N, C-alpha and C. Protein backbone atom coordinates (compact mmCIF):
# COMPACT_ATOMS: atom_id res chain seq x y z
N MET A 1 -31.47 29.29 59.75
CA MET A 1 -30.91 28.10 59.13
C MET A 1 -31.90 27.49 58.17
N THR A 2 -33.18 27.42 58.58
CA THR A 2 -34.22 26.83 57.74
C THR A 2 -34.39 27.65 56.47
N ARG A 3 -34.33 28.98 56.60
CA ARG A 3 -34.47 29.84 55.41
C ARG A 3 -33.33 29.58 54.42
N SER A 4 -32.10 29.42 54.91
CA SER A 4 -30.97 29.19 54.00
C SER A 4 -31.08 27.83 53.32
N ILE A 5 -31.61 26.84 54.02
CA ILE A 5 -31.82 25.52 53.40
C ILE A 5 -32.89 25.61 52.33
N ILE A 6 -33.99 26.30 52.64
CA ILE A 6 -35.07 26.47 51.67
C ILE A 6 -34.55 27.25 50.45
N ALA A 7 -33.76 28.28 50.67
CA ALA A 7 -33.20 29.07 49.57
C ALA A 7 -32.27 28.21 48.71
N ALA A 8 -31.45 27.38 49.36
CA ALA A 8 -30.53 26.51 48.62
C ALA A 8 -31.29 25.49 47.79
N VAL A 9 -32.33 24.88 48.37
CA VAL A 9 -33.15 23.90 47.64
C VAL A 9 -33.85 24.59 46.46
N ALA A 10 -34.37 25.78 46.67
CA ALA A 10 -35.04 26.51 45.60
C ALA A 10 -34.05 26.83 44.48
N ALA A 11 -32.84 27.22 44.82
CA ALA A 11 -31.82 27.53 43.81
C ALA A 11 -31.46 26.29 43.01
N VAL A 12 -31.29 25.15 43.67
CA VAL A 12 -30.98 23.89 42.98
C VAL A 12 -32.12 23.51 42.05
N LEU A 13 -33.36 23.63 42.52
CA LEU A 13 -34.51 23.30 41.67
C LEU A 13 -34.59 24.22 40.45
N CYS A 14 -34.34 25.49 40.64
CA CYS A 14 -34.37 26.43 39.51
C CYS A 14 -33.29 26.09 38.49
N LEU A 15 -32.10 25.80 38.99
CA LEU A 15 -31.00 25.45 38.08
C LEU A 15 -31.28 24.13 37.36
N SER A 16 -31.84 23.16 38.04
CA SER A 16 -32.10 21.88 37.39
C SER A 16 -33.19 22.00 36.33
N VAL A 17 -34.11 22.91 36.49
CA VAL A 17 -35.16 23.14 35.48
C VAL A 17 -34.58 23.95 34.32
N ALA A 18 -33.72 24.93 34.61
CA ALA A 18 -33.18 25.81 33.57
C ALA A 18 -32.03 25.17 32.80
N ALA A 19 -31.29 24.25 33.39
CA ALA A 19 -30.10 23.67 32.76
C ALA A 19 -30.38 23.06 31.39
N PRO A 20 -31.41 22.24 31.20
CA PRO A 20 -31.64 21.70 29.86
C PRO A 20 -31.89 22.78 28.81
N ALA A 21 -32.55 23.84 29.19
CA ALA A 21 -32.83 24.93 28.25
C ALA A 21 -31.55 25.66 27.87
N LEU A 22 -30.58 25.73 28.80
CA LEU A 22 -29.33 26.43 28.54
C LEU A 22 -28.30 25.56 27.84
N ALA A 23 -28.47 24.26 27.87
CA ALA A 23 -27.48 23.34 27.31
C ALA A 23 -27.41 23.47 25.79
N GLN A 24 -26.21 23.43 25.26
CA GLN A 24 -25.99 23.43 23.82
C GLN A 24 -26.01 21.98 23.36
N VAL A 25 -26.94 21.64 22.52
CA VAL A 25 -27.06 20.26 22.04
C VAL A 25 -26.33 20.15 20.71
N ARG A 26 -25.38 19.26 20.65
CA ARG A 26 -24.66 18.99 19.42
C ARG A 26 -25.31 17.79 18.75
N THR A 27 -25.27 17.79 17.44
CA THR A 27 -25.74 16.62 16.70
C THR A 27 -24.56 16.06 15.92
N TYR A 28 -24.54 14.77 15.76
CA TYR A 28 -23.44 14.08 15.09
C TYR A 28 -23.95 13.28 13.91
N LYS A 29 -23.09 13.13 12.92
CA LYS A 29 -23.35 12.26 11.78
C LYS A 29 -22.12 11.40 11.58
N ILE A 30 -22.36 10.16 11.21
CA ILE A 30 -21.28 9.25 10.82
C ILE A 30 -21.39 9.04 9.33
N LEU A 31 -20.32 9.32 8.63
CA LEU A 31 -20.26 9.10 7.19
C LEU A 31 -19.29 7.95 6.96
N ALA A 32 -19.71 6.96 6.19
CA ALA A 32 -18.85 5.79 5.94
C ALA A 32 -19.06 5.29 4.52
N THR A 33 -17.95 5.07 3.82
CA THR A 33 -18.01 4.56 2.46
C THR A 33 -16.67 3.96 2.06
N SER A 34 -16.69 3.13 1.04
CA SER A 34 -15.46 2.53 0.54
C SER A 34 -14.90 3.31 -0.65
N LYS A 35 -15.61 4.35 -1.09
CA LYS A 35 -15.17 5.15 -2.23
C LYS A 35 -14.86 6.57 -1.79
N THR A 36 -13.66 7.04 -2.10
CA THR A 36 -13.28 8.39 -1.69
C THR A 36 -14.15 9.45 -2.38
N SER A 37 -14.55 9.21 -3.61
CA SER A 37 -15.40 10.20 -4.30
C SER A 37 -16.76 10.34 -3.60
N THR A 38 -17.30 9.23 -3.11
CA THR A 38 -18.56 9.28 -2.37
C THR A 38 -18.38 10.02 -1.05
N MET A 39 -17.26 9.78 -0.38
CA MET A 39 -16.99 10.47 0.89
C MET A 39 -16.86 11.97 0.66
N GLN A 40 -16.18 12.36 -0.40
CA GLN A 40 -16.05 13.79 -0.73
C GLN A 40 -17.44 14.42 -0.86
N LYS A 41 -18.33 13.76 -1.59
CA LYS A 41 -19.68 14.26 -1.82
C LYS A 41 -20.46 14.34 -0.49
N GLU A 42 -20.40 13.29 0.32
CA GLU A 42 -21.13 13.26 1.59
C GLU A 42 -20.61 14.30 2.57
N MET A 43 -19.29 14.49 2.59
CA MET A 43 -18.72 15.51 3.49
C MET A 43 -19.16 16.90 3.06
N GLN A 44 -19.19 17.16 1.76
CA GLN A 44 -19.59 18.47 1.29
C GLN A 44 -21.07 18.74 1.60
N GLU A 45 -21.91 17.73 1.45
CA GLU A 45 -23.33 17.88 1.80
C GLU A 45 -23.48 18.19 3.29
N ALA A 46 -22.73 17.49 4.12
CA ALA A 46 -22.78 17.74 5.57
C ALA A 46 -22.26 19.14 5.88
N GLY A 47 -21.18 19.55 5.22
CA GLY A 47 -20.61 20.88 5.43
C GLY A 47 -21.58 21.98 5.03
N ASP A 48 -22.30 21.77 3.92
CA ASP A 48 -23.30 22.75 3.48
C ASP A 48 -24.42 22.89 4.51
N ALA A 49 -24.67 21.82 5.28
CA ALA A 49 -25.71 21.83 6.31
C ALA A 49 -25.16 22.32 7.66
N GLY A 50 -23.88 22.74 7.71
CA GLY A 50 -23.32 23.29 8.94
C GLY A 50 -22.55 22.30 9.80
N TYR A 51 -22.32 21.08 9.32
CA TYR A 51 -21.54 20.10 10.08
C TYR A 51 -20.06 20.34 9.85
N ARG A 52 -19.29 20.24 10.93
CA ARG A 52 -17.84 20.40 10.81
C ARG A 52 -17.14 19.09 11.18
N PHE A 53 -15.96 18.90 10.63
CA PHE A 53 -15.17 17.69 10.82
C PHE A 53 -14.76 17.52 12.28
N VAL A 54 -14.80 16.26 12.77
CA VAL A 54 -14.31 15.93 14.11
C VAL A 54 -13.18 14.91 14.03
N ALA A 55 -13.39 13.78 13.31
CA ALA A 55 -12.38 12.73 13.28
C ALA A 55 -12.56 11.87 12.04
N VAL A 56 -11.48 11.16 11.67
CA VAL A 56 -11.52 10.24 10.53
C VAL A 56 -10.72 8.99 10.89
N MET A 57 -11.14 7.87 10.33
CA MET A 57 -10.44 6.61 10.52
C MET A 57 -10.68 5.73 9.31
N GLY A 58 -9.65 5.12 8.82
CA GLY A 58 -9.78 4.13 7.75
C GLY A 58 -9.63 2.75 8.35
N GLY A 59 -10.37 1.80 7.85
CA GLY A 59 -10.26 0.45 8.38
C GLY A 59 -11.40 -0.42 7.92
N GLU A 60 -11.56 -1.51 8.62
CA GLU A 60 -12.60 -2.45 8.26
C GLU A 60 -13.72 -2.40 9.28
N THR A 61 -14.93 -2.11 8.79
CA THR A 61 -16.10 -2.09 9.67
C THR A 61 -16.81 -3.43 9.56
N ALA A 62 -17.64 -3.73 10.54
CA ALA A 62 -18.30 -5.03 10.61
C ALA A 62 -19.18 -5.31 9.40
N ILE A 63 -19.91 -4.31 8.94
CA ILE A 63 -20.85 -4.54 7.85
C ILE A 63 -20.33 -3.98 6.53
N GLY A 64 -19.67 -2.83 6.56
CA GLY A 64 -19.27 -2.15 5.33
C GLY A 64 -17.97 -2.64 4.71
N GLY A 65 -17.20 -3.44 5.43
CA GLY A 65 -15.91 -3.87 4.90
C GLY A 65 -14.89 -2.77 5.05
N LYS A 66 -14.01 -2.64 4.06
CA LYS A 66 -12.94 -1.64 4.10
C LYS A 66 -13.54 -0.29 3.74
N GLU A 67 -13.52 0.60 4.73
CA GLU A 67 -14.17 1.91 4.57
C GLU A 67 -13.34 3.01 5.20
N VAL A 68 -13.64 4.23 4.79
CA VAL A 68 -13.20 5.40 5.52
C VAL A 68 -14.43 5.90 6.27
N VAL A 69 -14.26 6.18 7.56
CA VAL A 69 -15.36 6.61 8.42
C VAL A 69 -15.03 8.00 8.95
N VAL A 70 -15.97 8.93 8.78
CA VAL A 70 -15.76 10.31 9.21
C VAL A 70 -16.88 10.68 10.19
N LEU A 71 -16.48 11.33 11.30
CA LEU A 71 -17.42 11.85 12.28
C LEU A 71 -17.48 13.35 12.10
N VAL A 72 -18.70 13.89 11.95
CA VAL A 72 -18.92 15.33 11.86
C VAL A 72 -19.93 15.74 12.92
N GLU A 73 -19.86 17.01 13.34
CA GLU A 73 -20.78 17.50 14.36
C GLU A 73 -21.34 18.86 13.95
N LYS A 74 -22.51 19.14 14.51
CA LYS A 74 -23.16 20.44 14.29
C LYS A 74 -23.52 21.00 15.65
N SER A 75 -23.13 22.24 15.87
CA SER A 75 -23.41 22.92 17.12
C SER A 75 -24.41 24.04 16.83
N PRO A 76 -25.44 24.19 17.66
CA PRO A 76 -26.45 25.22 17.38
C PRO A 76 -25.91 26.65 17.39
N ASP A 77 -24.80 26.89 18.07
CA ASP A 77 -24.26 28.25 18.10
C ASP A 77 -23.27 28.52 16.98
N ASP A 78 -22.96 27.53 16.15
CA ASP A 78 -22.06 27.69 15.00
C ASP A 78 -22.90 27.89 13.75
N LYS A 79 -22.88 29.09 13.20
CA LYS A 79 -23.70 29.42 12.02
C LYS A 79 -22.92 29.28 10.71
N ASN A 80 -21.68 28.80 10.78
CA ASN A 80 -20.86 28.63 9.58
C ASN A 80 -21.31 27.43 8.76
N THR A 81 -20.98 27.48 7.48
CA THR A 81 -21.04 26.30 6.64
C THR A 81 -19.59 25.94 6.33
N TYR A 82 -19.36 24.71 5.86
CA TYR A 82 -17.99 24.24 5.66
C TYR A 82 -17.82 23.65 4.28
N SER A 83 -16.66 23.91 3.71
CA SER A 83 -16.27 23.29 2.44
C SER A 83 -15.19 22.27 2.74
N TYR A 84 -15.24 21.16 2.03
CA TYR A 84 -14.28 20.08 2.25
C TYR A 84 -13.65 19.62 0.96
N ARG A 85 -12.41 19.19 1.08
CA ARG A 85 -11.73 18.45 0.02
C ARG A 85 -11.15 17.21 0.67
N LEU A 86 -11.34 16.11 0.03
CA LEU A 86 -10.76 14.86 0.50
C LEU A 86 -9.65 14.52 -0.48
N LEU A 87 -8.42 14.56 0.00
CA LEU A 87 -7.25 14.32 -0.82
C LEU A 87 -6.81 12.88 -0.60
N ALA A 88 -6.83 12.06 -1.65
CA ALA A 88 -6.49 10.64 -1.52
C ALA A 88 -5.51 10.25 -2.60
N THR A 89 -4.40 9.67 -2.19
CA THR A 89 -3.39 9.25 -3.15
C THR A 89 -2.53 8.13 -2.56
N SER A 90 -1.92 7.37 -3.43
CA SER A 90 -1.00 6.33 -2.98
C SER A 90 0.44 6.85 -2.96
N LYS A 91 0.66 8.09 -3.38
CA LYS A 91 1.99 8.69 -3.39
C LYS A 91 2.03 9.90 -2.46
N THR A 92 2.96 9.89 -1.50
CA THR A 92 3.05 11.00 -0.56
C THR A 92 3.47 12.29 -1.25
N SER A 93 4.25 12.20 -2.35
CA SER A 93 4.64 13.42 -3.06
C SER A 93 3.42 14.10 -3.68
N THR A 94 2.47 13.31 -4.16
CA THR A 94 1.23 13.88 -4.71
C THR A 94 0.42 14.52 -3.59
N LEU A 95 0.37 13.87 -2.43
CA LEU A 95 -0.36 14.44 -1.30
C LEU A 95 0.25 15.77 -0.87
N GLN A 96 1.56 15.85 -0.85
CA GLN A 96 2.24 17.11 -0.51
C GLN A 96 1.78 18.22 -1.45
N LYS A 97 1.77 17.94 -2.74
CA LYS A 97 1.37 18.93 -3.75
C LYS A 97 -0.09 19.35 -3.56
N GLU A 98 -0.98 18.36 -3.35
CA GLU A 98 -2.40 18.66 -3.19
C GLU A 98 -2.68 19.42 -1.90
N LEU A 99 -1.95 19.08 -0.82
CA LEU A 99 -2.11 19.82 0.45
C LEU A 99 -1.73 21.29 0.26
N GLN A 100 -0.64 21.54 -0.45
CA GLN A 100 -0.22 22.92 -0.64
C GLN A 100 -1.21 23.69 -1.50
N GLU A 101 -1.74 23.05 -2.54
CA GLU A 101 -2.76 23.70 -3.38
C GLU A 101 -3.99 24.05 -2.55
N ALA A 102 -4.40 23.14 -1.67
CA ALA A 102 -5.55 23.40 -0.80
C ALA A 102 -5.24 24.53 0.18
N GLY A 103 -4.03 24.52 0.74
CA GLY A 103 -3.62 25.58 1.66
C GLY A 103 -3.62 26.94 0.98
N ASP A 104 -3.16 26.98 -0.27
CA ASP A 104 -3.16 28.24 -1.02
C ASP A 104 -4.58 28.75 -1.27
N ALA A 105 -5.53 27.82 -1.31
CA ALA A 105 -6.95 28.18 -1.53
C ALA A 105 -7.68 28.48 -0.22
N GLY A 106 -6.95 28.47 0.91
CA GLY A 106 -7.56 28.83 2.19
C GLY A 106 -8.08 27.66 3.00
N PHE A 107 -7.81 26.43 2.58
CA PHE A 107 -8.23 25.26 3.34
C PHE A 107 -7.20 24.94 4.41
N HIS A 108 -7.66 24.30 5.49
CA HIS A 108 -6.81 23.90 6.60
C HIS A 108 -6.89 22.38 6.76
N ALA A 109 -5.75 21.73 6.92
CA ALA A 109 -5.74 20.29 7.15
C ALA A 109 -6.34 20.01 8.52
N VAL A 110 -7.30 19.07 8.56
CA VAL A 110 -7.96 18.75 9.83
C VAL A 110 -7.84 17.27 10.20
N GLY A 111 -7.47 16.41 9.26
CA GLY A 111 -7.36 15.00 9.59
C GLY A 111 -6.75 14.20 8.48
N GLN A 112 -6.28 13.00 8.83
CA GLN A 112 -5.73 12.09 7.83
C GLN A 112 -5.81 10.66 8.32
N THR A 113 -5.79 9.74 7.37
CA THR A 113 -5.79 8.32 7.67
C THR A 113 -5.24 7.57 6.46
N VAL A 114 -5.02 6.30 6.61
CA VAL A 114 -4.68 5.43 5.50
C VAL A 114 -5.77 4.38 5.44
N PHE A 115 -6.32 4.16 4.26
CA PHE A 115 -7.32 3.12 4.15
C PHE A 115 -7.24 2.44 2.80
N GLU A 116 -7.82 1.29 2.72
CA GLU A 116 -7.82 0.51 1.49
C GLU A 116 -9.20 0.57 0.88
N SER A 117 -9.29 1.23 -0.26
CA SER A 117 -10.58 1.35 -0.92
C SER A 117 -10.80 0.16 -1.85
N MET A 118 -12.03 -0.01 -2.29
CA MET A 118 -12.35 -1.10 -3.20
C MET A 118 -11.64 -0.93 -4.54
N PHE A 119 -11.47 0.32 -4.97
CA PHE A 119 -10.95 0.57 -6.30
C PHE A 119 -9.55 1.17 -6.31
N GLY A 120 -9.22 1.96 -5.31
CA GLY A 120 -7.95 2.70 -5.34
C GLY A 120 -6.80 2.01 -4.65
N GLY A 121 -7.01 0.86 -4.04
CA GLY A 121 -5.94 0.23 -3.29
C GLY A 121 -5.69 0.99 -2.00
N LYS A 122 -4.47 0.91 -1.49
CA LYS A 122 -4.13 1.61 -0.25
C LYS A 122 -3.79 3.04 -0.56
N GLU A 123 -4.48 3.95 0.14
CA GLU A 123 -4.30 5.37 -0.10
C GLU A 123 -4.12 6.12 1.22
N THR A 124 -3.30 7.15 1.16
CA THR A 124 -3.22 8.09 2.27
C THR A 124 -4.28 9.14 1.98
N VAL A 125 -5.12 9.41 2.96
CA VAL A 125 -6.23 10.34 2.80
C VAL A 125 -6.04 11.50 3.77
N ALA A 126 -6.08 12.72 3.24
CA ALA A 126 -6.06 13.93 4.08
C ALA A 126 -7.35 14.69 3.84
N ILE A 127 -7.90 15.23 4.90
CA ILE A 127 -9.12 16.01 4.81
C ILE A 127 -8.77 17.46 5.13
N VAL A 128 -9.19 18.36 4.23
CA VAL A 128 -8.99 19.79 4.45
C VAL A 128 -10.35 20.47 4.51
N GLN A 129 -10.43 21.52 5.29
CA GLN A 129 -11.70 22.19 5.58
C GLN A 129 -11.53 23.71 5.48
N LYS A 130 -12.59 24.35 5.04
CA LYS A 130 -12.63 25.82 5.04
C LYS A 130 -14.03 26.20 5.49
N SER A 131 -14.12 27.11 6.45
CA SER A 131 -15.44 27.53 6.92
C SER A 131 -15.83 28.84 6.27
N SER A 132 -17.14 29.10 6.24
CA SER A 132 -17.63 30.36 5.67
C SER A 132 -17.11 31.55 6.48
N GLY A 133 -16.71 31.31 7.71
CA GLY A 133 -16.16 32.37 8.55
C GLY A 133 -14.67 32.61 8.33
N ASP A 134 -14.02 31.77 7.48
CA ASP A 134 -12.58 31.88 7.24
C ASP A 134 -12.23 32.65 5.97
N ALA A 135 -13.15 33.41 5.42
CA ALA A 135 -12.93 34.06 4.12
C ALA A 135 -11.60 34.80 4.06
N SER A 136 -11.24 35.50 5.10
CA SER A 136 -9.98 36.24 5.09
C SER A 136 -9.00 35.67 6.12
N GLY A 137 -9.19 34.40 6.45
CA GLY A 137 -8.35 33.75 7.45
C GLY A 137 -6.93 33.49 6.96
N PRO A 138 -6.10 32.95 7.83
CA PRO A 138 -4.69 32.73 7.48
C PRO A 138 -4.53 31.66 6.40
N ARG A 139 -3.47 31.79 5.63
CA ARG A 139 -3.08 30.79 4.65
C ARG A 139 -1.88 30.04 5.25
N TYR A 140 -1.74 28.77 4.89
CA TYR A 140 -0.67 27.95 5.44
C TYR A 140 0.20 27.35 4.36
N GLU A 141 1.46 27.17 4.72
CA GLU A 141 2.41 26.41 3.91
C GLU A 141 2.49 25.03 4.55
N TYR A 142 2.38 23.99 3.74
CA TYR A 142 2.38 22.61 4.25
C TYR A 142 3.65 21.87 3.86
N LYS A 143 4.11 21.04 4.76
CA LYS A 143 5.20 20.10 4.49
C LYS A 143 4.75 18.74 5.02
N LEU A 144 4.90 17.74 4.20
CA LEU A 144 4.54 16.38 4.56
C LEU A 144 5.81 15.61 4.83
N VAL A 145 5.86 14.89 5.94
CA VAL A 145 6.99 14.05 6.27
C VAL A 145 6.51 12.61 6.23
N ALA A 146 7.19 11.78 5.45
CA ALA A 146 6.82 10.37 5.35
C ALA A 146 8.09 9.53 5.44
N THR A 147 8.13 8.63 6.41
CA THR A 147 9.32 7.80 6.60
C THR A 147 8.94 6.51 7.31
N SER A 148 9.78 5.52 7.17
CA SER A 148 9.54 4.25 7.87
C SER A 148 10.33 4.18 9.18
N LYS A 149 11.19 5.16 9.45
CA LYS A 149 12.03 5.14 10.65
C LYS A 149 11.63 6.27 11.60
N THR A 150 11.34 5.92 12.83
CA THR A 150 10.96 6.95 13.81
C THR A 150 12.11 7.90 14.11
N SER A 151 13.35 7.39 14.09
CA SER A 151 14.50 8.27 14.36
C SER A 151 14.63 9.31 13.26
N THR A 152 14.39 8.92 12.02
CA THR A 152 14.43 9.86 10.90
C THR A 152 13.30 10.87 11.04
N LEU A 153 12.13 10.39 11.41
CA LEU A 153 10.97 11.26 11.58
C LEU A 153 11.24 12.33 12.62
N GLU A 154 11.79 11.93 13.75
CA GLU A 154 12.06 12.88 14.82
C GLU A 154 13.04 13.96 14.36
N LYS A 155 14.08 13.56 13.62
CA LYS A 155 15.06 14.52 13.11
C LYS A 155 14.41 15.49 12.13
N GLU A 156 13.60 14.97 11.20
CA GLU A 156 12.95 15.82 10.21
C GLU A 156 11.94 16.77 10.87
N LEU A 157 11.21 16.28 11.87
CA LEU A 157 10.25 17.14 12.57
C LEU A 157 10.96 18.25 13.34
N LYS A 158 12.12 17.94 13.91
CA LYS A 158 12.88 18.98 14.62
C LYS A 158 13.31 20.06 13.64
N GLU A 159 13.80 19.66 12.45
CA GLU A 159 14.22 20.63 11.45
C GLU A 159 13.05 21.51 11.00
N LEU A 160 11.89 20.89 10.81
CA LEU A 160 10.71 21.65 10.42
C LEU A 160 10.24 22.58 11.54
N ALA A 161 10.29 22.09 12.78
CA ALA A 161 9.91 22.94 13.93
C ALA A 161 10.84 24.15 14.03
N ASP A 162 12.13 23.94 13.79
CA ASP A 162 13.09 25.04 13.80
C ASP A 162 12.78 26.07 12.72
N ALA A 163 12.14 25.61 11.63
CA ALA A 163 11.76 26.51 10.52
C ALA A 163 10.35 27.09 10.73
N GLY A 164 9.72 26.80 11.88
CA GLY A 164 8.43 27.39 12.20
C GLY A 164 7.21 26.53 11.88
N PHE A 165 7.43 25.28 11.49
CA PHE A 165 6.31 24.39 11.19
C PHE A 165 5.81 23.71 12.46
N GLN A 166 4.51 23.39 12.48
CA GLN A 166 3.88 22.71 13.60
C GLN A 166 3.18 21.46 13.07
N ALA A 167 3.29 20.36 13.80
CA ALA A 167 2.62 19.12 13.41
C ALA A 167 1.11 19.30 13.53
N VAL A 168 0.37 18.80 12.53
CA VAL A 168 -1.08 18.90 12.51
C VAL A 168 -1.70 17.54 12.77
N ASP A 169 -1.18 16.49 12.12
CA ASP A 169 -1.76 15.16 12.25
C ASP A 169 -0.73 14.11 11.87
N LEU A 170 -0.95 12.88 12.34
CA LEU A 170 -0.05 11.77 12.10
C LEU A 170 -0.86 10.52 11.84
N THR A 171 -0.38 9.69 10.92
CA THR A 171 -1.00 8.40 10.69
C THR A 171 0.09 7.39 10.36
N VAL A 172 -0.20 6.13 10.57
CA VAL A 172 0.73 5.06 10.25
C VAL A 172 -0.02 4.05 9.40
N GLY A 173 0.62 3.61 8.35
CA GLY A 173 -0.03 2.61 7.53
C GLY A 173 0.82 2.22 6.35
N LYS A 174 0.32 1.30 5.58
CA LYS A 174 1.01 0.87 4.37
C LYS A 174 0.40 1.57 3.18
N THR A 175 1.24 2.28 2.46
CA THR A 175 0.79 2.88 1.22
C THR A 175 1.33 2.03 0.07
N ALA A 176 0.72 2.15 -1.10
CA ALA A 176 1.07 1.30 -2.23
C ALA A 176 2.54 1.44 -2.63
N LEU A 177 3.05 2.66 -2.63
CA LEU A 177 4.41 2.87 -3.11
C LEU A 177 5.43 3.00 -2.00
N GLY A 178 5.03 3.53 -0.86
CA GLY A 178 5.99 3.77 0.22
C GLY A 178 6.15 2.61 1.18
N GLY A 179 5.28 1.63 1.11
CA GLY A 179 5.32 0.55 2.10
C GLY A 179 4.82 1.06 3.43
N SER A 180 5.32 0.48 4.52
CA SER A 180 4.92 0.93 5.85
C SER A 180 5.59 2.26 6.15
N GLU A 181 4.76 3.28 6.38
CA GLU A 181 5.28 4.62 6.62
C GLU A 181 4.53 5.31 7.74
N ILE A 182 5.23 6.23 8.38
CA ILE A 182 4.61 7.18 9.29
C ILE A 182 4.48 8.47 8.49
N VAL A 183 3.29 9.02 8.41
CA VAL A 183 3.05 10.22 7.62
C VAL A 183 2.58 11.32 8.56
N VAL A 184 3.30 12.45 8.58
CA VAL A 184 2.96 13.58 9.43
C VAL A 184 2.73 14.80 8.55
N ILE A 185 1.60 15.47 8.78
CA ILE A 185 1.32 16.73 8.11
C ILE A 185 1.76 17.85 9.04
N THR A 186 2.57 18.78 8.51
CA THR A 186 2.98 19.95 9.28
C THR A 186 2.60 21.21 8.50
N ARG A 187 2.48 22.33 9.22
CA ARG A 187 2.14 23.59 8.55
C ARG A 187 2.72 24.77 9.34
N ARG A 188 2.86 25.87 8.62
CA ARG A 188 3.18 27.16 9.22
C ARG A 188 2.45 28.22 8.42
N ARG A 189 2.21 29.37 9.06
CA ARG A 189 1.53 30.47 8.36
C ARG A 189 2.36 30.88 7.16
N ALA A 190 1.67 31.06 6.04
CA ALA A 190 2.35 31.50 4.82
C ALA A 190 2.88 32.91 5.01
N LYS A 191 4.00 33.16 4.41
CA LYS A 191 4.64 34.49 4.54
C LYS A 191 4.16 35.42 3.47
């Protein structure tokens, strides 16, 4: 019995010493700005350094005022670099067009928000990403659904799901031209 207790204690001690060495440490960066062009530049710099997108939120921060805030992370076992495009517009039809152009170029939608910039007013912002490991990855067809009625949204999403589309992200906010809208990005593999 004493030997098994000593063996168990020794095993726990070995694991507790080895665990930090085996742990994968992620690093995070917070990018925040009131200008979409600045965010595009900062995201690309982070992507070139191996950081990948985690989350985005538009809103008012305590010190920065009205900003878009992006969280990116870097994992030591991920050797990819990332390319980003930040698509920002006050018209959902323009966003639909820009999303499809990005999809045709191999980018994948990873996040969206609505925020009020200092210069652009209220904009719907979508973030698309392409990793260095996605060179021959799948291409997607995008459809954007924007409506002020949840019942309409549910009907449109069902029709898109029946056609093979999957929801990627959703945001709610006031856009300059659409007023209060629910905006959903959907995609399916390009044929």
